[in-house]
Amino acid sequence: MPKRVPLTELVAGKPATIVEIQAGQGLIRRLEALGVRIGQKVEKVSGPFIRGPVTVRVGNIRAAIGFGAASKVIVEIEEQES
């Protein structure tokens, strides 16, 4: 069963799909300019130690997103069957 978490809680190196962006139109447009949009596959490259920027890979693009903005990006990860 898929699990939904904010991008800030995604484990580095684990792929996920963006399913929701809980933000206003201004932030949504800025994220879309970086390639971060609903339906895109995303992989967290590195995360914050203390509320710092989150680096993600979307396709061939790497982007750094501020902690606040990244916490508004909801991703869905597939749970591995054991």
N, C-alpha and C. Protein backbone atom coordinates (compact mmCIF):
# COMPACT_ATOMS: atom_id res chain seq x y z
N MET A 1 0.84 -1.18 0.00
CA MET A 1 0.00 0.00 0.00
C MET A 1 0.89 1.25 0.00
N PRO A 2 0.58 2.22 -0.85
CA PRO A 2 1.42 3.42 -0.91
C PRO A 2 1.32 4.25 0.37
N LYS A 3 2.40 4.92 0.68
CA LYS A 3 2.46 5.76 1.87
C LYS A 3 2.74 7.19 1.43
N ARG A 4 2.01 8.15 1.98
CA ARG A 4 2.20 9.56 1.65
C ARG A 4 2.93 10.27 2.78
N VAL A 5 3.98 11.00 2.41
CA VAL A 5 4.77 11.77 3.38
C VAL A 5 5.20 13.08 2.74
N PRO A 6 5.52 14.09 3.55
CA PRO A 6 6.12 15.30 2.99
C PRO A 6 7.51 14.98 2.44
N LEU A 7 7.94 15.73 1.47
CA LEU A 7 9.25 15.53 0.86
C LEU A 7 10.37 15.59 1.90
N THR A 8 10.19 16.38 2.94
CA THR A 8 11.21 16.49 3.99
C THR A 8 11.41 15.18 4.73
N GLU A 9 10.41 14.30 4.75
CA GLU A 9 10.51 13.02 5.47
C GLU A 9 10.91 11.86 4.59
N LEU A 10 11.05 12.09 3.30
CA LEU A 10 11.46 11.03 2.38
C LEU A 10 12.91 10.64 2.66
N VAL A 11 13.19 9.36 2.65
CA VAL A 11 14.55 8.86 2.88
C VAL A 11 15.39 9.14 1.64
N ALA A 12 16.60 9.65 1.85
CA ALA A 12 17.49 9.95 0.73
C ALA A 12 17.75 8.70 -0.10
N GLY A 13 17.69 8.85 -1.42
CA GLY A 13 17.93 7.74 -2.33
C GLY A 13 16.71 6.93 -2.68
N LYS A 14 15.57 7.20 -2.03
CA LYS A 14 14.36 6.44 -2.29
C LYS A 14 13.46 7.21 -3.26
N PRO A 15 13.08 6.60 -4.38
CA PRO A 15 12.23 7.29 -5.34
C PRO A 15 10.79 7.39 -4.85
N ALA A 16 10.10 8.42 -5.30
CA ALA A 16 8.70 8.63 -4.94
C ALA A 16 8.03 9.42 -6.06
N THR A 17 6.71 9.52 -5.97
CA THR A 17 5.93 10.27 -6.95
C THR A 17 5.25 11.43 -6.24
N ILE A 18 5.33 12.62 -6.82
CA ILE A 18 4.68 13.78 -6.24
C ILE A 18 3.18 13.66 -6.48
N VAL A 19 2.38 13.73 -5.41
CA VAL A 19 0.94 13.57 -5.54
C VAL A 19 0.17 14.83 -5.16
N GLU A 20 0.81 15.75 -4.44
CA GLU A 20 0.10 16.95 -4.00
C GLU A 20 1.10 18.03 -3.62
N ILE A 21 0.73 19.27 -3.88
CA ILE A 21 1.52 20.40 -3.41
C ILE A 21 0.57 21.31 -2.65
N GLN A 22 0.75 21.37 -1.34
CA GLN A 22 -0.15 22.11 -0.45
C GLN A 22 0.34 23.55 -0.29
N ALA A 23 0.21 24.33 -1.37
CA ALA A 23 0.74 25.69 -1.36
C ALA A 23 -0.11 26.57 -2.26
N GLY A 24 0.18 27.86 -2.21
CA GLY A 24 -0.48 28.82 -3.08
C GLY A 24 0.08 28.76 -4.49
N GLN A 25 -0.58 29.48 -5.40
CA GLN A 25 -0.19 29.45 -6.80
C GLN A 25 1.23 29.96 -7.05
N GLY A 26 1.69 30.94 -6.27
CA GLY A 26 3.04 31.47 -6.44
C GLY A 26 4.10 30.41 -6.22
N LEU A 27 4.00 29.68 -5.10
CA LEU A 27 4.98 28.64 -4.81
C LEU A 27 4.84 27.48 -5.79
N ILE A 28 3.62 27.14 -6.15
CA ILE A 28 3.42 26.06 -7.12
C ILE A 28 4.11 26.40 -8.43
N ARG A 29 3.99 27.63 -8.90
CA ARG A 29 4.65 28.04 -10.14
C ARG A 29 6.17 27.99 -10.02
N ARG A 30 6.71 28.42 -8.88
CA ARG A 30 8.17 28.37 -8.69
C ARG A 30 8.66 26.93 -8.69
N LEU A 31 7.93 26.04 -8.03
CA LEU A 31 8.33 24.63 -8.01
C LEU A 31 8.23 24.01 -9.40
N GLU A 32 7.16 24.35 -10.14
CA GLU A 32 7.00 23.81 -11.49
C GLU A 32 8.14 24.27 -12.40
N ALA A 33 8.65 25.47 -12.18
CA ALA A 33 9.78 25.96 -12.97
C ALA A 33 11.03 25.12 -12.72
N LEU A 34 11.10 24.48 -11.55
CA LEU A 34 12.22 23.59 -11.22
C LEU A 34 11.95 22.16 -11.69
N GLY A 35 10.76 21.89 -12.23
CA GLY A 35 10.40 20.55 -12.66
C GLY A 35 9.66 19.77 -11.59
N VAL A 36 9.40 20.40 -10.46
CA VAL A 36 8.70 19.73 -9.35
C VAL A 36 7.20 19.97 -9.55
N ARG A 37 6.53 18.93 -10.09
CA ARG A 37 5.09 19.07 -10.34
C ARG A 37 4.40 17.74 -10.07
N ILE A 38 3.11 17.79 -9.89
CA ILE A 38 2.33 16.59 -9.58
C ILE A 38 2.50 15.56 -10.70
N GLY A 39 2.71 14.31 -10.30
CA GLY A 39 2.88 13.21 -11.24
C GLY A 39 4.34 12.89 -11.55
N GLN A 40 5.25 13.79 -11.22
CA GLN A 40 6.68 13.59 -11.50
C GLN A 40 7.30 12.62 -10.49
N LYS A 41 8.23 11.81 -10.98
CA LYS A 41 9.05 10.98 -10.10
C LYS A 41 10.14 11.87 -9.52
N VAL A 42 10.42 11.71 -8.25
CA VAL A 42 11.41 12.52 -7.56
C VAL A 42 12.25 11.62 -6.66
N GLU A 43 13.50 11.99 -6.49
CA GLU A 43 14.38 11.26 -5.57
C GLU A 43 15.10 12.29 -4.70
N LYS A 44 15.05 12.09 -3.42
CA LYS A 44 15.74 12.99 -2.49
C LYS A 44 17.22 12.64 -2.50
N VAL A 45 18.05 13.63 -2.80
CA VAL A 45 19.49 13.43 -2.86
C VAL A 45 20.10 13.66 -1.48
N SER A 46 19.72 14.76 -0.86
CA SER A 46 20.19 15.04 0.49
C SER A 46 19.14 15.86 1.22
N GLY A 47 19.17 15.76 2.51
CA GLY A 47 18.18 16.45 3.31
C GLY A 47 18.81 17.36 4.33
N PRO A 48 17.98 18.07 5.03
CA PRO A 48 18.48 19.05 6.00
C PRO A 48 18.96 18.38 7.28
N PHE A 49 19.99 18.95 7.85
CA PHE A 49 20.39 18.52 9.18
C PHE A 49 19.52 19.24 10.20
N ILE A 50 19.38 20.54 10.02
CA ILE A 50 18.51 21.33 10.90
C ILE A 50 17.74 22.31 10.03
N ARG A 51 16.61 21.87 9.50
CA ARG A 51 15.71 22.73 8.72
C ARG A 51 16.40 23.48 7.59
N GLY A 52 17.33 22.85 6.93
CA GLY A 52 18.00 23.46 5.79
C GLY A 52 17.34 23.03 4.49
N PRO A 53 17.90 23.42 3.35
CA PRO A 53 17.31 23.05 2.07
C PRO A 53 17.39 21.55 1.79
N VAL A 54 16.44 21.08 0.99
CA VAL A 54 16.37 19.68 0.58
C VAL A 54 16.76 19.63 -0.90
N THR A 55 17.73 18.79 -1.24
CA THR A 55 18.15 18.64 -2.63
C THR A 55 17.45 17.41 -3.22
N VAL A 56 16.83 17.61 -4.38
CA VAL A 56 16.10 16.53 -5.04
C VAL A 56 16.56 16.40 -6.48
N ARG A 57 16.32 15.21 -7.04
CA ARG A 57 16.57 14.97 -8.45
C ARG A 57 15.22 14.68 -9.09
N VAL A 58 14.91 15.46 -10.12
CA VAL A 58 13.69 15.26 -10.91
C VAL A 58 14.16 15.08 -12.35
N GLY A 59 14.08 13.87 -12.85
CA GLY A 59 14.64 13.58 -14.17
C GLY A 59 16.14 13.77 -14.13
N ASN A 60 16.68 14.63 -15.00
CA ASN A 60 18.12 14.91 -15.02
C ASN A 60 18.47 16.19 -14.28
N ILE A 61 17.50 16.77 -13.61
CA ILE A 61 17.69 18.06 -12.94
C ILE A 61 17.83 17.85 -11.43
N ARG A 62 18.80 18.55 -10.84
CA ARG A 62 18.92 18.60 -9.38
C ARG A 62 18.50 19.99 -8.95
N ALA A 63 17.71 20.05 -7.88
CA ALA A 63 17.23 21.34 -7.39
C ALA A 63 17.27 21.34 -5.87
N ALA A 64 17.60 22.49 -5.31
CA ALA A 64 17.56 22.67 -3.86
C ALA A 64 16.28 23.43 -3.54
N ILE A 65 15.49 22.88 -2.63
CA ILE A 65 14.22 23.49 -2.24
C ILE A 65 14.30 23.79 -0.76
N GLY A 66 13.87 24.98 -0.38
CA GLY A 66 13.86 25.36 1.03
C GLY A 66 13.02 24.40 1.86
N PHE A 67 13.34 24.28 3.14
CA PHE A 67 12.65 23.34 4.02
C PHE A 67 11.15 23.58 4.05
N GLY A 68 10.74 24.84 4.16
CA GLY A 68 9.31 25.15 4.23
C GLY A 68 8.57 24.74 2.98
N ALA A 69 9.15 25.03 1.81
CA ALA A 69 8.53 24.65 0.55
C ALA A 69 8.51 23.13 0.39
N ALA A 70 9.61 22.48 0.75
CA ALA A 70 9.69 21.02 0.62
C ALA A 70 8.68 20.32 1.53
N SER A 71 8.37 20.92 2.66
CA SER A 71 7.40 20.30 3.57
C SER A 71 5.98 20.37 3.02
N LYS A 72 5.76 21.19 2.00
CA LYS A 72 4.43 21.31 1.39
C LYS A 72 4.26 20.41 0.17
N VAL A 73 5.35 19.74 -0.21
CA VAL A 73 5.30 18.80 -1.34
C VAL A 73 5.06 17.41 -0.77
N ILE A 74 3.92 16.83 -1.11
CA ILE A 74 3.54 15.50 -0.60
C ILE A 74 3.87 14.47 -1.66
N VAL A 75 4.62 13.44 -1.25
CA VAL A 75 5.02 12.38 -2.16
C VAL A 75 4.44 11.05 -1.71
N GLU A 76 4.33 10.14 -2.66
CA GLU A 76 3.82 8.81 -2.37
C GLU A 76 4.91 7.80 -2.65
N ILE A 77 5.21 6.99 -1.64
CA ILE A 77 6.21 5.94 -1.81
C ILE A 77 5.55 4.59 -1.71
N GLU A 78 6.05 3.65 -2.49
CA GLU A 78 5.53 2.29 -2.45
C GLU A 78 6.22 1.53 -1.32
N GLU A 79 5.44 0.94 -0.47
CA GLU A 79 6.01 0.11 0.60
C GLU A 79 6.42 -1.22 0.01
N GLN A 80 7.60 -1.67 0.36
CA GLN A 80 8.11 -2.95 -0.13
C GLN A 80 7.42 -4.10 0.60
N GLU A 81 7.00 -5.09 -0.18
CA GLU A 81 6.38 -6.29 0.40
C GLU A 81 7.49 -7.19 0.94
N SER A 82 7.32 -7.69 2.13
CA SER A 82 8.34 -8.59 2.71
C SER A 82 7.85 -10.01 2.75
